[in-house]
Amino acid sequence: EEYNGSSWTESGDLNQVRVYLGGTGSQTAGLAAGGRNTGPPGPESSNVEEYNGSSWTNVTALPKAMRNNRMCGPQTAALGAGGYQGYYPGSNIATTYEYDGTNWTAGGTMNTARNQVNGWGGPAGQTASMCGGGNDGSVTGATEGYDGTSWSTRPNLATARQGSANGIGTSQTTGIQAGGSTGSYVTNTEEFTGETTSVNSVDIT
């Protein structure tokens, strides 16, 4: 469904029915990747589809089938981080994948393997993105930033949570964590405004 600022309109359906998938992009250039096929339970998917504003097209698959992965950035410079693979017991994923509009390439490994993170970064997501929260065996508030090569530790969330709304933020320093679960569902929202450096002026005579 597409949203115009006041109402929703149904548009073209995905080619593959699935749940727990990652997605990013815009209304006329969207990207959907991974997930779990429907069933009791269905297998994980590596399927990737692009949206052009009216219909979805199958494109290059993820290198690894996964679910509960998170994505950010535009369709032609997207970043996928974390996820989950396997069934009880399965394993969290620390791998990062970069998409150039045609192919997937492995990026830097996250410091903490986890799924159901919230990722944001806006148009520069592939070179300046953030991932916060998720589940690394338990619900976590750990946050990491990506510079296009490697991940580094950033300030933790005030409320550790998993499964919050994904991709809300126009840049690495303007992200939002909204909703999610701490073990029970929450409605609270947090804003990330970035880290600042103070400079003191000293007069030397």
Protein backbone atom coordinates (compact mmCIF):
# COMPACT_ATOMS: atom_id res chain seq x y z
CA GLU A 1 0.00 0.00 0.00
CA GLU A 2 1.13 3.57 -0.74
CA TYR A 3 0.57 6.59 1.51
CA ASN A 4 0.04 10.11 0.12
CA GLY A 5 0.06 12.00 3.40
CA SER A 6 -3.57 11.43 4.28
CA SER A 7 -4.72 8.04 2.97
CA TRP A 8 -3.52 4.60 1.83
CA THR A 9 -3.96 3.12 -1.65
CA GLU A 10 -3.34 -0.50 -2.62
CA SER A 11 -0.65 -1.03 -5.24
CA GLY A 12 1.29 -3.93 -6.82
CA ASP A 13 1.79 -7.07 -4.73
CA LEU A 14 5.13 -8.65 -3.89
CA ASN A 15 5.99 -11.65 -6.03
CA GLN A 16 6.82 -13.78 -2.98
CA VAL A 17 4.48 -13.98 0.02
CA ARG A 18 6.53 -13.70 3.22
CA VAL A 19 6.89 -12.18 6.68
CA TYR A 20 9.74 -10.71 8.78
CA LEU A 21 11.51 -9.18 5.77
CA GLY A 22 13.77 -6.15 5.53
CA GLY A 23 12.85 -3.14 3.43
CA THR A 24 14.09 0.32 2.47
CA GLY A 25 13.96 2.91 -0.31
CA SER A 26 11.14 5.17 -1.40
CA GLN A 27 7.61 4.95 -2.79
CA THR A 28 8.90 4.85 -6.36
CA ALA A 29 12.17 3.00 -5.73
CA GLY A 30 11.67 0.45 -2.97
CA LEU A 31 13.63 -2.64 -1.95
CA ALA A 32 12.46 -5.75 -0.06
CA ALA A 33 14.89 -8.48 1.00
CA GLY A 34 14.88 -11.75 2.93
CA GLY A 35 12.11 -12.79 5.29
CA ARG A 36 10.37 -16.07 5.98
CA ASN A 37 8.05 -17.86 3.60
CA THR A 38 4.59 -18.46 5.03
CA GLY A 39 3.95 -21.86 6.52
CA PRO A 40 4.16 -23.65 9.89
CA PRO A 41 7.00 -22.50 9.76
CA GLY A 42 8.17 -21.84 6.23
CA PRO A 43 11.85 -21.69 5.28
CA GLU A 44 13.81 -18.46 5.28
CA SER A 45 14.16 -16.54 2.05
CA SER A 46 17.04 -14.89 0.18
CA ASN A 47 14.63 -13.35 -2.34
CA VAL A 48 15.07 -9.65 -3.17
CA GLU A 49 12.56 -7.49 -5.05
CA GLU A 50 12.64 -3.90 -6.33
CA TYR A 51 9.58 -1.65 -6.53
CA ASN A 52 9.18 1.01 -9.26
CA GLY A 53 6.05 2.72 -7.97
CA SER A 54 3.59 0.22 -9.41
CA SER A 55 5.08 -3.29 -9.51
CA TRP A 56 7.78 -5.51 -7.99
CA THR A 57 10.60 -7.23 -9.92
CA ASN A 58 12.83 -10.06 -8.69
CA VAL A 59 16.51 -9.05 -8.65
CA THR A 60 19.79 -10.47 -7.32
CA ALA A 61 19.19 -12.60 -4.22
CA LEU A 62 20.87 -12.06 -0.86
CA PRO A 63 24.05 -14.12 -0.38
CA LYS A 64 22.38 -15.74 2.64
CA ALA A 65 18.73 -16.56 3.40
CA MET A 66 17.59 -14.75 6.56
CA ARG A 67 14.70 -13.16 8.40
CA ASN A 68 14.28 -10.25 10.84
CA ASN A 69 17.01 -8.38 8.93
CA ARG A 70 17.00 -4.60 8.85
CA MET A 71 17.84 -2.21 6.01
CA CYS A 72 18.36 1.48 5.31
CA GLY A 73 19.43 3.75 2.47
CA PRO A 74 18.15 4.21 -1.09
CA GLN A 75 17.41 1.40 -3.55
CA THR A 76 20.75 1.73 -5.36
CA ALA A 77 22.93 2.18 -2.27
CA ALA A 78 21.21 0.14 0.42
CA LEU A 79 22.62 -1.45 3.55
CA GLY A 80 21.34 -4.61 5.23
CA ALA A 81 22.49 -5.42 8.77
CA GLY A 82 21.89 -8.27 11.20
CA GLY A 83 19.14 -10.85 11.02
CA TYR A 84 18.37 -14.40 12.07
CA GLN A 85 18.94 -17.76 10.42
CA GLY A 86 17.78 -21.24 11.40
CA TYR A 87 15.11 -22.59 13.72
CA TYR A 88 15.21 -22.92 17.46
CA PRO A 89 17.99 -23.01 18.09
CA GLY A 90 19.00 -20.71 15.26
CA SER A 91 21.65 -18.03 15.20
CA ASN A 92 21.84 -14.26 15.05
CA ILE A 93 23.72 -12.69 12.14
CA ALA A 94 26.43 -10.02 12.41
CA THR A 95 27.05 -9.79 8.67
CA THR A 96 26.45 -6.54 6.78
CA TYR A 97 25.53 -6.53 3.09
CA GLU A 98 25.76 -3.57 0.71
CA TYR A 99 23.59 -3.35 -2.42
CA ASP A 100 24.55 -1.17 -5.41
CA GLY A 101 21.35 -1.63 -7.36
CA THR A 102 22.60 -4.83 -9.00
CA ASN A 103 24.85 -6.87 -6.69
CA TRP A 104 25.33 -7.58 -2.98
CA THR A 105 28.76 -7.24 -1.33
CA ALA A 106 29.74 -8.15 2.23
CA GLY A 107 30.56 -5.11 4.35
CA GLY A 108 31.97 -4.74 7.86
CA THR A 109 30.81 -7.16 10.56
CA MET A 110 28.65 -5.77 13.36
CA ASN A 111 30.17 -5.87 16.84
CA THR A 112 27.07 -7.63 18.18
CA ALA A 113 25.22 -10.25 16.14
CA ARG A 114 21.46 -9.64 16.50
CA ASN A 115 18.10 -9.48 14.80
CA GLN A 116 15.12 -7.09 14.84
CA VAL A 117 17.34 -4.00 15.07
CA ASN A 118 16.17 -0.56 13.97
CA GLY A 119 18.32 0.83 11.17
CA TRP A 120 18.41 4.39 9.86
CA GLY A 121 20.70 6.58 7.80
CA GLY A 122 18.72 8.38 5.12
CA PRO A 123 20.21 8.75 1.62
CA ALA A 124 23.74 8.10 2.93
CA GLY A 125 22.74 4.88 4.69
CA GLN A 126 25.49 2.79 3.12
CA THR A 127 28.28 5.06 4.36
CA ALA A 128 26.69 6.69 7.41
CA SER A 129 24.08 4.48 9.07
CA MET A 130 23.03 3.42 12.56
CA CYS A 131 21.55 0.28 14.11
CA GLY A 132 19.99 0.32 17.57
CA GLY A 133 18.35 -2.24 19.81
CA GLY A 134 17.36 -5.72 18.72
CA ASN A 135 17.81 -9.17 20.20
CA ASP A 136 21.24 -10.75 20.70
CA GLY A 137 19.89 -13.60 22.83
CA SER A 138 17.98 -11.12 24.94
CA VAL A 139 16.56 -7.66 24.25
CA THR A 140 19.37 -5.10 23.95
CA GLY A 141 19.77 -1.35 23.77
CA ALA A 142 23.22 -1.49 22.15
CA THR A 143 23.68 0.95 19.26
CA GLU A 144 26.33 0.91 16.53
CA GLY A 145 27.29 3.31 13.73
CA TYR A 146 28.62 2.34 10.29
CA ASP A 147 31.05 4.48 8.28
CA GLY A 148 31.04 2.45 5.08
CA THR A 149 33.77 0.10 6.29
CA SER A 150 33.33 -0.78 9.96
CA TRP A 151 30.92 -0.55 12.89
CA SER A 152 31.67 1.34 16.11
CA THR A 153 29.87 1.55 19.46
CA ARG A 154 27.50 4.50 20.01
CA PRO A 155 25.33 5.54 22.99
CA ASN A 156 22.86 2.87 24.14
CA LEU A 157 19.12 3.33 23.89
CA ALA A 158 17.43 4.54 27.05
CA THR A 159 14.96 1.65 26.67
CA ALA A 160 16.34 -1.65 25.36
CA ARG A 161 13.91 -3.00 22.76
CA GLN A 162 13.51 -5.12 19.65
CA GLY A 163 11.31 -4.80 16.59
CA SER A 164 10.80 -1.04 16.71
CA ALA A 165 9.77 0.89 13.60
CA ASN A 166 12.59 0.68 11.06
CA GLY A 167 14.22 3.36 8.92
CA ILE A 168 12.89 6.45 10.67
CA GLY A 169 15.56 9.11 10.27
CA THR A 170 16.91 11.37 7.54
CA SER A 171 20.58 10.97 8.44
CA GLN A 172 22.93 9.13 10.77
CA THR A 173 22.46 11.80 13.44
CA THR A 174 18.67 12.17 13.23
CA GLY A 175 17.14 8.80 14.09
CA ILE A 176 14.00 7.74 15.94
CA GLN A 177 13.21 4.58 17.89
CA ALA A 178 9.43 4.17 18.07
CA GLY A 179 7.51 1.30 19.63
CA GLY A 180 8.82 -2.26 19.73
CA SER A 181 8.97 -4.84 22.49
CA THR A 182 10.89 -5.12 25.75
CA GLY A 183 9.21 -8.45 26.45
CA SER A 184 5.91 -6.61 26.29
CA TYR A 185 4.91 -4.06 23.67
CA VAL A 186 5.88 -0.41 24.25
CA THR A 187 4.74 2.89 22.76
CA ASN A 188 7.55 5.18 23.87
CA THR A 189 9.74 7.03 21.39
CA GLU A 190 13.40 8.09 21.55
CA GLU A 191 15.28 10.54 19.36
CA PHE A 192 18.97 10.32 18.50
CA THR A 193 20.60 13.67 17.81
CA GLY A 194 24.20 12.59 17.32
CA GLU A 195 27.29 13.13 19.41
CA THR A 196 28.85 16.55 19.80
CA THR A 197 32.32 17.76 20.73
CA SER A 198 32.83 20.79 22.96
CA VAL A 199 35.63 23.20 22.14
CA ASN A 200 36.98 25.51 24.83
CA SER A 201 38.68 28.73 23.76
CA VAL A 202 41.76 29.58 25.79
CA ASP A 203 43.42 32.98 25.67
CA ILE A 204 47.20 32.59 25.92
CA THR A 205 49.12 35.78 26.67
